[in-house]
Amino acid sequence: MKLDPIHLLTLLIALGVFIQWIALRLRLPALLLLLAAGITLGPIAGVFDPNLEFGRFQNPVIRLAVAIILFEGGLSLEFAEARFAGPVLWRLIVSGLVVGFGSVMALGVWIAGLSPATAAVLGAILVVTGPTVILPMLRSSRISLRPATLLKWEGIVNDPLGALMAFVVFEIAVLGGESGESVGGLVFAVGLQALAGGAVGVAAGWILGRALVRHQIAEHMKNPVMLGAVLVVYTLAEEIGHENGLFAVTTMGLVLANMKEHSIEDIRRFKEQIGSLLVAFLFLLLSARLEMDQLAKLIGTPLVLIAAIVFVARPLVGLVATFRSGLPWNERTLISWIAPRGIVAAAVAGAFQDPLVQAGYPDAELLVPIVFGVIIATVVLHGLTIRPLSRRLGLGFVEGTGILIVGAQTWGVALAQALTKAGAYVILADSRYQRVSHARREGMEVHYGDVLSDEAGIVLPLERVSWVLAATDDDAYNSLVCTSFAQEIGRQHALQVSPSSLGHRKETAHALMGLTPWGELGTYAELSRRYWRHGSFKVTALSEEFDWESLKARNRGAVFLFYVDREKLFVIGERTVPPEGSHVVYLTSEAA
């Protein structure tokens, strides 16, 4: 079936967004549904053929989209995270390149009978794990900071390096024999080209960063300038050497991310949104390119090879990288299992398959089917197991249970204790040492410092936090906290105590404030007054005999704040009816 290009682009973009929304609602890996949809639309139903519809523009579109995605990945790499993760981070990156390459190559020759050249290219391609897959998995699984940091850095750094390695191996296998150039000479030449490409990325990142610091780019032009710069840097680096573009844009993002310019956060959010759109588009496009005869080639030894890559090669990489690293066994186990492959692997395999076949390696026809088989296997297995496995290992946390309370005054500590008793995870934060010390003595988990600082983003266990309650006596600061955290947890989960006066709400733009669900009863002054006038925070379990109406009737004048049901925390508004079996947290009146 031939679709009009406009209809096809609309279908791919709209379907990609819809599938991501459905996956979020069903709590399923979006990439799994995208792969299924692409294979259904392409090789199974034959709704469209990307090779026919896009023609010669297909590969350039894919490569530029991947460049934007990797730049977005580079923007998320901060050196402070690397220092927190420790030396094991670099061991994992190197092991992924060396052990991953060697093990996949050996398995390809031994199990599938591939030629050394084809097996070497396959091994180089599959060292990449890729931000297109690992970042959405980490975002949805909410695992501990250190293993999440290790997996994120490995995926983003090894993506461009893996593409370069595949090109080097391809050059040695194909072009080296024709030109007679030595292996060392080829590696040296490609290495110089990679350094030059990286230098382009570093220079571009530094120049743009300085322009941002000096306010030389108008606010409304920052995102367009960055997007244009990514495409220019990628193209320039590709002119220097093949597969240098991805390395250049990743280093460009890395440099910008570590210049501590506040505008970078807005750019990062914009690129993240563009990236999610491009990931969906590319997964649909690349999976639809598959043909039924390619999938049929997986039957037999290629299927065994795919299983060996998933169940042998990756665990070997993880074990070697973390051997005598000091990491606890649960983190080593998770890292040794999770390594999904994504778009970069598929794109590189597609670029090298035909030239390898034409160079006299007929078994290279298996390159794309095997790589896609690994992509499908890892997206399915790792996507479906990362959440339950991380929780079984004590590294994953249930979404919706954790709350960060900013403000450790006496009644804030009492509220935190009541929420903990109800079954919520609570962490208190304050910049006043006396308050933090008191909260710690009361047995609460605390953070001493400003939650808006760069350090807080690394030290705070935000993977466990789904709610934020800004409860200081500074209304403007509370609004600032909610505005900052709303980008991560959603505006509906960013709460603040009500402003001390109605005038503040009128003077402050509604979009800059957190939600204030308790109205005039929930101001800092009113909550303090009630608490100090013999009020107390209590927890009551609802049952069939003692339901919500009974609780309200017995505690007239109380301020009902939260309830915990089935390990999830909910806020109580005017129309909320907590169900039976839930635990309600409330502040009694002085008369109660």
Protein backbone atom coordinates (compact mmCIF):
# COMPACT_ATOMS: atom_id res chain seq x y z
CA MET A 1 0.00 0.00 0.00
CA LYS A 2 1.40 3.42 -0.95
CA LEU A 3 0.50 6.29 1.35
CA ASP A 4 0.76 9.98 0.64
CA PRO A 5 3.91 11.30 2.44
CA ILE A 6 1.83 13.73 4.52
CA HIS A 7 -0.53 10.94 5.58
CA LEU A 8 2.41 8.68 6.40
CA LEU A 9 4.22 11.26 8.54
CA THR A 10 0.98 12.10 10.33
CA LEU A 11 0.33 8.41 10.96
CA LEU A 12 3.80 7.75 12.38
CA ILE A 13 3.91 10.81 14.64
CA ALA A 14 0.32 10.54 15.90
CA LEU A 15 0.57 6.78 16.41
CA GLY A 16 3.88 7.19 18.25
CA VAL A 17 2.43 9.74 20.66
CA PHE A 18 -0.73 7.67 21.19
CA ILE A 19 1.24 4.49 21.90
CA GLN A 20 3.44 6.29 24.44
CA TRP A 21 0.33 7.62 26.20
CA ILE A 22 -1.30 4.18 26.22
CA ALA A 23 1.89 2.59 27.55
CA LEU A 24 2.01 5.13 30.37
CA ARG A 25 -1.59 4.38 31.31
CA LEU A 26 -1.06 0.61 31.16
CA ARG A 27 2.38 0.82 32.83
CA LEU A 28 3.98 -1.12 29.98
CA PRO A 29 7.28 -0.38 28.20
CA ALA A 30 6.39 2.03 25.39
CA LEU A 31 9.17 0.68 23.19
CA LEU A 32 7.64 -2.79 23.33
CA LEU A 33 4.33 -1.48 21.97
CA LEU A 34 6.12 0.65 19.36
CA LEU A 35 8.04 -2.37 18.06
CA ALA A 36 4.87 -4.43 17.90
CA ALA A 37 3.02 -1.66 16.06
CA GLY A 38 5.85 -1.12 13.56
CA ILE A 39 6.19 -4.82 12.73
CA THR A 40 2.41 -5.10 12.40
CA LEU A 41 2.12 -2.10 10.07
CA GLY A 42 5.16 -3.06 8.01
CA PRO A 43 6.05 -6.70 7.33
CA ILE A 44 2.81 -8.26 8.63
CA ALA A 45 -0.03 -6.03 7.36
CA GLY A 46 1.91 -4.23 4.64
CA VAL A 47 0.25 -0.89 5.40
CA PHE A 48 3.39 0.94 4.32
CA ASP A 49 6.96 0.31 3.22
CA PRO A 50 9.39 2.98 4.49
CA ASN A 51 11.88 2.14 1.74
CA LEU A 52 9.23 2.89 -0.87
CA GLU A 53 7.59 5.87 0.82
CA PHE A 54 10.69 7.80 1.95
CA GLY A 55 13.20 6.66 -0.66
CA ARG A 56 16.62 8.28 -0.49
CA PHE A 57 15.57 10.66 2.30
CA GLN A 58 15.03 7.82 4.76
CA ASN A 59 18.61 7.31 5.97
CA PRO A 60 19.45 11.04 6.32
CA VAL A 61 16.28 11.58 8.38
CA ILE A 62 17.17 8.63 10.61
CA ARG A 63 20.76 9.79 11.13
CA LEU A 64 19.81 13.38 11.96
CA ALA A 65 17.09 12.21 14.35
CA VAL A 66 19.58 9.93 16.13
CA ALA A 67 21.99 12.88 16.40
CA ILE A 68 19.34 14.97 18.17
CA ILE A 69 18.54 12.09 20.53
CA LEU A 70 22.21 11.57 21.44
CA PHE A 71 22.69 15.31 22.01
CA GLU A 72 19.78 15.17 24.45
CA GLY A 73 21.48 12.23 26.12
CA GLY A 74 24.73 14.18 26.41
CA LEU A 75 22.84 17.04 28.08
CA SER A 76 21.91 14.68 30.92
CA LEU A 77 25.53 13.72 31.72
CA GLU A 78 26.89 15.69 34.67
CA PHE A 79 30.35 15.01 36.07
CA ALA A 80 28.96 15.22 39.60
CA GLU A 81 26.98 12.06 38.84
CA ALA A 82 30.11 10.33 37.58
CA ARG A 83 31.97 11.22 40.77
CA PHE A 84 29.08 9.85 42.81
CA ALA A 85 29.07 6.57 40.85
CA GLY A 86 32.82 6.13 41.33
CA PRO A 87 35.50 4.31 39.29
CA VAL A 88 33.14 1.42 38.49
CA LEU A 89 31.45 3.71 35.94
CA TRP A 90 34.54 3.83 33.71
CA ARG A 91 35.13 0.11 34.23
CA LEU A 92 31.60 -0.56 32.99
CA ILE A 93 32.08 1.62 29.91
CA VAL A 94 35.40 -0.02 29.02
CA SER A 95 34.11 -3.54 29.75
CA GLY A 96 31.08 -2.86 27.61
CA LEU A 97 33.34 -1.99 24.70
CA VAL A 98 36.03 -4.64 25.13
CA VAL A 99 34.33 -7.61 26.80
CA GLY A 100 31.04 -6.97 25.02
CA PHE A 101 32.72 -6.82 21.62
CA GLY A 102 34.87 -9.90 22.21
CA SER A 103 32.12 -12.07 23.68
CA VAL A 104 29.56 -11.30 20.95
CA MET A 105 32.15 -11.86 18.22
CA ALA A 106 33.20 -15.20 19.73
CA LEU A 107 29.58 -16.32 20.17
CA GLY A 108 28.78 -15.32 16.58
CA VAL A 109 31.60 -17.45 15.17
CA TRP A 110 31.05 -20.39 17.51
CA ILE A 111 27.23 -20.62 17.56
CA ALA A 112 26.06 -19.17 14.24
CA GLY A 113 29.15 -19.96 12.16
CA LEU A 114 29.56 -16.34 11.07
CA SER A 115 32.72 -15.25 9.32
CA PRO A 116 35.16 -13.40 11.62
CA ALA A 117 34.51 -10.14 9.74
CA THR A 118 30.72 -10.32 10.06
CA ALA A 119 30.96 -11.47 13.68
CA ALA A 120 33.34 -8.60 14.48
CA VAL A 121 30.99 -5.99 12.98
CA LEU A 122 28.09 -7.58 14.89
CA GLY A 123 30.08 -7.45 18.13
CA ALA A 124 30.94 -3.79 17.61
CA ILE A 125 27.33 -2.86 16.85
CA LEU A 126 25.97 -4.62 19.93
CA VAL A 127 28.24 -2.91 22.46
CA VAL A 128 25.77 -0.01 22.35
CA THR A 129 22.87 0.00 24.79
CA GLY A 130 21.58 3.42 23.86
CA PRO A 131 19.66 6.27 25.52
CA THR A 132 16.67 5.70 23.25
CA VAL A 133 15.84 2.57 25.25
CA ILE A 134 17.58 2.74 28.61
CA LEU A 135 16.43 6.25 29.56
CA PRO A 136 12.68 5.52 29.20
CA MET A 137 13.20 2.28 31.16
CA LEU A 138 14.98 4.09 33.99
CA ARG A 139 12.37 6.83 34.01
CA SER A 140 9.51 4.36 34.45
CA SER A 141 11.19 1.89 36.82
CA ARG A 142 12.36 4.38 39.50
CA ILE A 143 15.49 2.49 40.56
CA SER A 144 18.21 3.64 42.97
CA LEU A 145 20.50 6.46 41.90
CA ARG A 146 23.83 4.61 41.56
CA PRO A 147 22.72 1.72 39.29
CA ALA A 148 20.56 4.17 37.33
CA THR A 149 23.56 6.47 36.85
CA LEU A 150 25.80 3.60 35.77
CA LEU A 151 23.29 2.31 33.21
CA LYS A 152 22.54 5.81 31.90
CA TRP A 153 26.19 6.79 31.40
CA GLU A 154 27.06 3.44 29.83
CA GLY A 155 24.22 3.77 27.34
CA ILE A 156 24.93 7.35 26.32
CA VAL A 157 28.74 7.15 26.18
CA ASN A 158 28.98 3.76 24.49
CA ASP A 159 26.47 4.65 21.76
CA PRO A 160 28.77 6.89 19.68
CA LEU A 161 31.85 4.86 20.65
CA GLY A 162 30.15 1.66 19.50
CA ALA A 163 29.25 3.24 16.16
CA LEU A 164 32.88 4.31 15.73
CA MET A 165 34.10 0.84 16.68
CA ALA A 166 31.76 -0.73 14.10
CA PHE A 167 33.16 1.60 11.45
CA VAL A 168 36.76 0.71 12.40
CA VAL A 169 36.01 -3.02 12.24
CA PHE A 170 34.22 -2.55 8.91
CA GLU A 171 37.18 -0.61 7.52
CA ILE A 172 39.60 -3.32 8.63
CA ALA A 173 37.44 -6.15 7.26
CA VAL A 174 36.51 -4.58 3.93
CA LEU A 175 38.54 -1.54 2.97
CA GLY A 176 41.78 -2.63 4.63
CA GLY A 177 42.11 -5.64 2.38
CA GLU A 178 41.49 -3.54 -0.73
CA SER A 179 43.86 -0.70 0.09
CA GLY A 180 46.54 -2.81 1.71
CA GLU A 181 46.72 -0.37 4.62
CA SER A 182 47.79 -1.91 7.93
CA VAL A 183 45.35 -2.44 10.77
CA GLY A 184 47.35 -0.08 12.96
CA GLY A 185 47.27 2.59 10.29
CA LEU A 186 43.51 2.31 9.90
CA VAL A 187 42.91 2.48 13.65
CA PHE A 188 45.24 5.47 13.97
CA ALA A 189 43.52 7.32 11.10
CA VAL A 190 40.03 6.70 12.47
CA GLY A 191 41.22 7.66 15.96
CA LEU A 192 42.53 10.99 14.69
CA GLN A 193 39.25 11.62 12.88
CA ALA A 194 37.32 10.81 16.06
CA LEU A 195 39.46 13.23 18.07
CA ALA A 196 38.85 15.92 15.47
CA GLY A 197 35.12 15.24 15.54
CA GLY A 198 35.11 15.34 19.33
CA ALA A 199 37.03 18.63 19.21
CA VAL A 200 34.31 20.09 16.98
CA GLY A 201 31.70 19.04 19.55
CA VAL A 202 33.68 20.43 22.49
CA ALA A 203 34.32 23.73 20.70
CA ALA A 204 30.69 24.12 19.67
CA GLY A 205 29.49 23.30 23.18
CA TRP A 206 31.90 25.79 24.76
CA ILE A 207 31.04 28.59 22.31
CA LEU A 208 27.29 28.09 22.75
CA GLY A 209 27.68 27.82 26.51
CA ARG A 210 29.60 31.09 26.69
CA ALA A 211 26.97 32.74 24.51
CA LEU A 212 24.30 31.57 26.95
CA VAL A 213 26.26 32.77 29.99
CA ARG A 214 26.72 36.20 28.41
CA HIS A 215 23.04 36.37 27.38
CA GLN A 216 23.95 36.78 23.72
CA ILE A 217 21.11 34.53 22.54
CA ALA A 218 17.56 35.82 22.92
CA GLU A 219 15.36 33.68 25.15
CA HIS A 220 12.94 32.71 22.39
CA MET A 221 15.85 31.74 20.10
CA LYS A 222 17.75 29.42 22.47
CA ASN A 223 16.01 26.18 21.49
CA PRO A 224 16.07 26.88 17.72
CA VAL A 225 19.76 27.84 17.92
CA MET A 226 20.60 24.64 19.80
CA LEU A 227 18.64 22.48 17.37
CA GLY A 228 20.34 24.08 14.39
CA ALA A 229 23.76 23.79 16.05
CA VAL A 230 23.27 20.06 16.64
CA LEU A 231 22.57 19.45 12.96
CA VAL A 232 25.51 21.62 11.84
CA VAL A 233 27.96 19.97 14.27
CA TYR A 234 26.80 16.51 13.23
CA THR A 235 27.24 17.30 9.53
CA LEU A 236 30.67 18.91 10.01
CA ALA A 237 31.92 15.96 12.05
CA GLU A 238 30.65 13.51 9.44
CA GLU A 239 32.67 15.41 6.83
CA ILE A 240 35.77 14.80 8.95
CA GLY A 241 35.12 11.08 9.26
CA HIS A 242 32.31 8.57 8.95
CA GLU A 243 30.38 7.93 12.23
CA ASN A 244 32.08 10.91 13.92
CA GLY A 245 28.87 12.92 14.03
CA LEU A 246 27.29 11.01 16.91
CA PHE A 247 30.47 11.36 18.98
CA ALA A 248 30.60 15.09 18.26
CA VAL A 249 27.01 15.88 19.28
CA THR A 250 27.31 13.76 22.43
CA THR A 251 30.43 15.64 23.53
CA MET A 252 28.72 18.92 22.67
CA GLY A 253 25.83 18.02 24.99
CA LEU A 254 28.26 16.88 27.70
CA VAL A 255 30.14 20.20 27.63
CA LEU A 256 26.93 22.24 27.81
CA ALA A 257 25.53 20.12 30.65
CA ASN A 258 28.55 20.90 32.85
CA MET A 259 28.71 24.67 32.29
CA LYS A 260 26.14 25.28 35.06
CA GLU A 261 24.11 27.73 32.99
CA HIS A 262 20.50 27.90 34.19
CA SER A 263 19.15 28.08 30.62
CA ILE A 264 20.44 24.55 30.00
CA GLU A 265 17.58 23.13 32.07
CA ASP A 266 15.00 24.67 29.72
CA ILE A 267 16.93 23.42 26.69
CA ARG A 268 17.20 19.97 28.26
CA ARG A 269 13.42 19.81 28.74
CA PHE A 270 12.77 20.90 25.16
CA LYS A 271 15.21 18.33 23.77
CA GLU A 272 13.71 15.63 26.00
CA GLN A 273 10.27 16.33 24.56
CA ILE A 274 11.59 16.36 20.99
CA GLY A 275 13.57 13.21 21.79
CA SER A 276 10.53 11.26 22.96
CA LEU A 277 8.74 12.19 19.72
CA LEU A 278 11.72 11.15 17.59
CA VAL A 279 12.24 7.87 19.46
CA ALA A 280 8.64 6.85 18.79
CA PHE A 281 8.92 7.90 15.14
CA LEU A 282 12.19 6.01 14.61
CA PHE A 283 11.09 2.81 16.33
CA LEU A 284 7.96 2.67 14.17
CA LEU A 285 9.96 3.46 11.03
CA LEU A 286 12.84 1.03 11.63
CA SER A 287 10.66 -1.89 12.73
CA ALA A 288 8.40 -1.36 9.72
CA ARG A 289 11.47 -1.72 7.45
CA LEU A 290 11.83 -5.36 8.41
CA GLU A 291 10.76 -7.97 5.89
CA MET A 292 9.22 -11.35 6.61
CA ASP A 293 12.09 -13.21 4.95
CA GLN A 294 14.53 -11.40 7.25
CA LEU A 295 12.56 -12.50 10.31
CA ALA A 296 12.44 -16.05 8.92
CA LYS A 297 16.25 -16.12 8.83
CA LEU A 298 16.28 -15.99 12.63
CA ILE A 299 14.97 -19.55 12.90
CA GLY A 300 17.70 -21.94 13.99
CA THR A 301 21.19 -21.00 15.13
CA PRO A 302 20.65 -17.19 14.89
CA LEU A 303 17.94 -17.54 17.54
CA VAL A 304 20.35 -19.46 19.76
CA LEU A 305 22.95 -16.73 19.19
CA ILE A 306 20.47 -14.04 20.25
CA ALA A 307 19.72 -15.98 23.45
CA ALA A 308 23.45 -16.33 24.14
CA ILE A 309 24.02 -12.59 23.63
CA VAL A 310 21.25 -11.79 26.11
CA PHE A 311 21.96 -14.46 28.73
CA VAL A 312 25.76 -14.86 28.44
CA ALA A 313 27.46 -11.82 26.90
CA ARG A 314 25.79 -9.11 28.99
CA PRO A 315 26.11 -10.89 32.35
CA LEU A 316 29.79 -11.43 31.52
CA VAL A 317 30.25 -7.69 30.88
CA GLY A 318 28.56 -6.81 34.17
CA LEU A 319 30.52 -9.34 36.21
CA VAL A 320 33.88 -8.25 34.78
CA ALA A 321 33.10 -4.55 35.24
CA THR A 322 31.94 -4.90 38.84
CA PHE A 323 34.46 -7.52 40.02
CA ARG A 324 36.03 -6.30 43.28
CA SER A 325 34.37 -2.93 42.75
CA GLY A 326 32.77 -2.73 46.18
CA LEU A 327 29.28 -2.66 44.71
CA PRO A 328 26.71 -4.68 46.66
CA TRP A 329 25.51 -7.90 45.05
CA ASN A 330 22.05 -6.54 44.22
CA GLU A 331 23.46 -3.64 42.17
CA ARG A 332 25.90 -6.00 40.43
CA THR A 333 23.01 -8.33 39.55
CA LEU A 334 20.86 -5.58 38.07
CA ILE A 335 23.72 -4.08 36.04
CA SER A 336 24.68 -7.53 34.74
CA TRP A 337 21.18 -8.06 33.36
CA ILE A 338 19.94 -4.74 31.98
CA ALA A 339 21.40 -3.74 28.59
CA PRO A 340 18.65 -3.06 26.02
CA ARG A 341 19.67 -2.20 22.46
CA GLY A 342 17.94 0.49 20.46
CA ILE A 343 17.86 2.74 17.45
CA VAL A 344 21.60 3.33 17.00
CA ALA A 345 22.28 -0.41 16.78
CA ALA A 346 19.51 -0.80 14.18
CA ALA A 347 20.68 2.18 12.13
CA VAL A 348 24.36 1.11 12.13
CA ALA A 349 23.45 -2.48 11.19
CA GLY A 350 21.40 -1.21 8.27
CA ALA A 351 24.28 0.96 7.09
CA PHE A 352 26.89 -1.84 7.09
CA GLN A 353 24.92 -4.90 5.97
CA ASP A 354 24.82 -4.30 2.19
CA PRO A 355 28.47 -3.14 1.89
CA LEU A 356 29.60 -6.27 3.75
CA VAL A 357 27.58 -8.51 1.43
CA GLN A 358 28.98 -6.71 -1.62
CA ALA A 359 32.50 -7.13 -0.22
CA GLY A 360 32.13 -10.89 -0.31
CA TYR A 361 30.60 -11.77 3.06
CA PRO A 362 27.21 -13.34 2.20
CA ASP A 363 26.55 -14.22 5.85
CA ALA A 364 26.28 -10.46 6.50
CA GLU A 365 22.66 -10.80 5.33
CA LEU A 366 22.03 -11.99 8.89
CA LEU A 367 23.33 -8.74 10.39
CA VAL A 368 20.08 -6.75 10.42
CA PRO A 369 17.86 -9.73 11.42
CA ILE A 370 20.16 -10.65 14.33
CA VAL A 371 20.49 -7.06 15.55
CA PHE A 372 16.72 -6.57 15.40
CA GLY A 373 16.27 -9.91 17.14
CA VAL A 374 18.51 -8.68 19.96
CA ILE A 375 16.63 -5.36 20.07
CA ILE A 376 13.27 -7.13 20.31
CA ALA A 377 14.54 -9.65 22.88
CA THR A 378 16.14 -7.02 25.13
CA VAL A 379 13.26 -4.55 24.88
CA VAL A 380 10.81 -7.31 25.81
CA LEU A 381 12.87 -9.08 28.49
CA HIS A 382 14.54 -6.06 30.06
CA GLY A 383 11.52 -3.80 29.67
CA LEU A 384 9.21 -6.26 31.40
CA THR A 385 11.65 -7.34 34.12
CA ILE A 386 13.48 -4.16 35.16
CA ARG A 387 10.70 -2.98 37.47
CA PRO A 388 9.90 -6.28 39.28
CA LEU A 389 13.57 -7.32 39.41
CA SER A 390 14.74 -3.99 40.83
CA ARG A 391 12.06 -4.16 43.51
CA ARG A 392 12.93 -7.75 44.34
CA LEU A 393 16.56 -6.66 44.72
CA GLY A 394 15.59 -3.72 46.91
CA LEU A 395 16.62 -1.18 44.28
CA GLY A 396 13.22 -0.20 42.85
CA PHE A 397 10.45 1.75 44.46
CA VAL A 398 6.69 1.88 44.02
CA GLU A 399 5.53 5.02 42.30
CA GLY A 400 3.30 7.23 44.41
CA THR A 401 4.48 6.34 47.93
CA GLY A 402 7.25 8.86 48.59
CA ILE A 403 6.93 12.49 49.62
CA LEU A 404 9.56 15.18 50.14
CA ILE A 405 8.50 17.70 52.79
CA VAL A 406 10.44 20.95 52.52
CA GLY A 407 10.38 22.51 55.98
CA ALA A 408 11.40 20.58 59.11
CA GLN A 409 9.71 22.79 61.70
CA THR A 410 8.20 20.95 64.67
CA TRP A 411 4.78 20.40 63.13
CA GLY A 412 6.42 19.39 59.85
CA VAL A 413 8.29 16.63 61.69
CA ALA A 414 5.04 15.53 63.36
CA LEU A 415 3.32 15.39 59.95
CA ALA A 416 6.21 13.34 58.56
CA GLN A 417 5.93 10.88 61.46
CA ALA A 418 2.19 10.48 60.86
CA LEU A 419 2.72 9.88 57.13
CA THR A 420 5.40 7.31 57.90
CA LYS A 421 3.04 5.56 60.30
CA ALA A 422 0.39 5.50 57.56
CA GLY A 423 2.80 3.68 55.23
CA ALA A 424 4.36 6.47 53.15
CA TYR A 425 8.06 7.05 52.55
CA VAL A 426 8.99 10.54 53.83
CA ILE A 427 12.13 12.62 53.65
CA LEU A 428 12.36 16.01 55.36
CA ALA A 429 14.53 18.82 54.00
CA ASP A 430 15.58 22.07 55.62
CA SER A 431 18.50 24.48 55.43
CA ARG A 432 18.48 25.13 59.20
CA TYR A 433 20.74 22.77 61.08
CA GLN A 434 18.78 22.81 64.37
CA ARG A 435 15.59 21.71 62.62
CA VAL A 436 17.35 18.96 60.71
CA SER A 437 19.00 17.71 63.91
CA HIS A 438 15.64 17.59 65.69
CA ALA A 439 14.05 15.66 62.82
CA ARG A 440 16.94 13.19 62.77
CA ARG A 441 16.60 12.62 66.54
CA GLU A 442 12.91 11.89 65.95
CA GLY A 443 13.92 9.07 63.62
CA MET A 444 13.16 10.77 60.31
CA GLU A 445 15.23 10.64 57.12
CA VAL A 446 16.50 14.15 56.47
CA HIS A 447 18.38 16.31 53.98
CA TYR A 448 20.34 19.30 55.25
CA GLY A 449 20.53 22.01 52.61
CA ASP A 450 18.57 23.80 49.93
CA VAL A 451 16.50 21.40 47.80
CA LEU A 452 17.01 23.70 44.80
CA SER A 453 20.80 23.30 44.83
CA ASP A 454 22.68 21.19 42.28
CA GLU A 455 23.93 18.94 45.08
CA ALA A 456 20.39 18.13 46.20
CA GLY A 457 19.56 16.68 42.80
CA ILE A 458 22.27 14.07 43.32
CA VAL A 459 22.10 13.45 47.07
CA LEU A 460 18.32 13.34 47.51
CA PRO A 461 16.74 9.92 46.76
CA LEU A 462 14.35 11.46 44.24
CA GLU A 463 13.70 8.07 42.64
CA ARG A 464 11.56 7.36 45.71
CA VAL A 465 9.70 10.68 45.64
CA SER A 466 6.39 11.13 43.84
CA TRP A 467 5.08 14.09 45.85
CA VAL A 468 6.58 17.34 47.12
CA LEU A 469 5.05 19.46 49.87
CA ALA A 470 6.66 22.89 50.23
CA ALA A 471 5.80 23.80 53.82
CA THR A 472 8.08 26.68 54.77
CA ASP A 473 6.94 30.08 56.06
CA ASP A 474 8.10 31.72 52.81
CA ASP A 475 5.28 31.62 50.25
CA ALA A 476 7.51 32.74 47.36
CA TYR A 477 10.10 30.04 48.12
CA ASN A 478 7.35 27.42 48.34
CA SER A 479 6.14 28.42 44.88
CA LEU A 480 9.70 28.25 43.53
CA VAL A 481 10.16 24.73 44.95
CA CYS A 482 6.91 23.56 43.35
CA THR A 483 7.77 25.10 39.99
CA SER A 484 11.15 23.35 40.03
CA PHE A 485 9.92 19.89 41.04
CA ALA A 486 6.79 20.00 38.86
CA GLN A 487 9.00 19.36 35.83
CA GLU A 488 9.97 15.96 37.24
CA ILE A 489 6.98 14.71 39.23
CA GLY A 490 4.11 16.50 37.50
CA ARG A 491 2.32 19.65 38.58
CA GLN A 492 -0.50 17.63 40.14
CA HIS A 493 1.99 16.23 42.66
CA ALA A 494 3.69 19.53 43.59
CA LEU A 495 1.93 20.86 46.70
CA GLN A 496 2.50 23.87 48.89
CA VAL A 497 0.89 25.21 52.02
CA SER A 498 -1.64 27.85 51.06
CA PRO A 499 -0.34 31.42 50.74
CA SER A 500 -0.65 33.43 53.93
CA SER A 501 -2.99 35.91 52.25
CA LEU A 502 -5.43 35.89 49.38
CA GLY A 503 -3.46 38.80 47.95
CA HIS A 504 -0.43 36.59 47.36
CA ARG A 505 -2.44 34.27 45.13
CA LYS A 506 -3.68 37.23 43.10
CA GLU A 507 -0.20 38.72 42.84
CA THR A 508 1.48 35.43 41.93
CA ALA A 509 0.80 33.86 38.55
CA HIS A 510 -1.18 30.66 38.99
CA ALA A 511 1.29 28.73 36.83
CA LEU A 512 4.14 29.57 39.23
CA MET A 513 2.44 28.08 42.27
CA GLY A 514 2.01 24.55 43.49
CA LEU A 515 -1.39 23.09 44.23
CA THR A 516 -2.98 24.31 47.46
CA PRO A 517 -5.61 21.63 48.15
CA TRP A 518 -6.53 22.65 51.70
CA GLY A 519 -7.49 26.27 51.10
CA GLU A 520 -7.44 28.69 54.03
CA LEU A 521 -7.13 25.79 56.48
CA GLY A 522 -3.80 24.87 54.93
CA THR A 523 -1.76 28.05 55.38
CA TYR A 524 1.52 27.87 57.28
CA ALA A 525 0.12 30.12 60.00
CA GLU A 526 -3.13 28.15 60.38
CA LEU A 527 -1.43 24.76 60.52
CA SER A 528 1.06 26.10 63.08
CA ARG A 529 -1.71 27.66 65.17
CA ARG A 530 -3.77 24.47 65.24
CA TYR A 531 -0.77 22.30 66.09
CA TRP A 532 0.46 24.47 68.94
CA ARG A 533 -3.05 24.83 70.40
CA HIS A 534 -3.16 21.19 71.47
CA GLY A 535 -3.69 19.84 67.99
CA SER A 536 -1.94 16.71 66.74
CA PHE A 537 -1.42 14.75 63.56
CA LYS A 538 -3.24 11.44 63.68
CA VAL A 539 -3.60 8.35 61.51
CA THR A 540 -6.86 6.41 61.29
CA ALA A 541 -7.52 3.25 59.31
CA LEU A 542 -10.91 3.21 57.56
CA SER A 543 -13.03 0.08 57.57
CA GLU A 544 -16.55 -1.04 56.74
CA GLU A 545 -17.61 -0.29 60.31
CA PHE A 546 -15.76 3.04 60.54
CA ASP A 547 -15.81 4.73 57.14
CA TRP A 548 -14.94 8.18 55.83
CA GLU A 549 -18.20 9.80 56.95
CA SER A 550 -17.78 8.37 60.45
CA LEU A 551 -14.26 9.76 60.68
CA LYS A 552 -15.39 13.23 59.61
CA ALA A 553 -18.30 13.18 62.03
CA ARG A 554 -16.04 12.29 64.95
CA ASN A 555 -13.39 14.88 64.04
CA ARG A 556 -15.32 18.01 63.13
CA GLY A 557 -12.98 20.90 62.49
CA ALA A 558 -10.01 18.67 61.64
CA VAL A 559 -7.87 19.34 58.56
CA PHE A 560 -7.73 16.16 56.47
CA LEU A 561 -4.49 16.12 54.50
CA PHE A 562 -3.51 12.75 52.98
CA TYR A 563 -4.44 9.12 52.82
CA VAL A 564 -2.40 6.02 51.95
CA ASP A 565 -4.09 3.17 50.09
CA ARG A 566 -2.38 0.07 48.71
CA GLU A 567 1.08 1.57 49.17
CA LYS A 568 0.16 4.79 47.35
CA LEU A 569 -0.13 8.29 48.75
CA PHE A 570 -3.06 10.55 47.83
CA VAL A 571 -3.94 14.11 48.78
CA ILE A 572 -7.38 14.85 50.26
CA GLY A 573 -9.30 17.64 48.56
CA GLU A 574 -12.85 18.90 48.96
CA ARG A 575 -14.46 16.02 47.03
CA THR A 576 -12.08 13.22 48.01
CA VAL A 577 -13.56 10.06 49.53
CA PRO A 578 -10.81 7.77 50.87
CA PRO A 579 -11.77 4.09 50.40
CA GLU A 580 -12.10 1.39 53.04
CA GLY A 581 -8.75 -0.02 54.06
CA SER A 582 -6.91 3.28 53.58
CA HIS A 583 -5.07 5.18 56.30
CA VAL A 584 -6.07 8.85 56.67
CA VAL A 585 -3.63 11.47 57.98
CA TYR A 586 -5.20 14.57 59.53
CA LEU A 587 -4.58 17.43 61.96
CA THR A 588 -7.06 17.55 64.80
CA SER A 589 -8.49 20.82 66.05
CA GLU A 590 -7.69 22.11 69.50
CA ALA A 591 -11.10 20.93 70.69
CA ALA A 592 -10.60 17.35 69.50
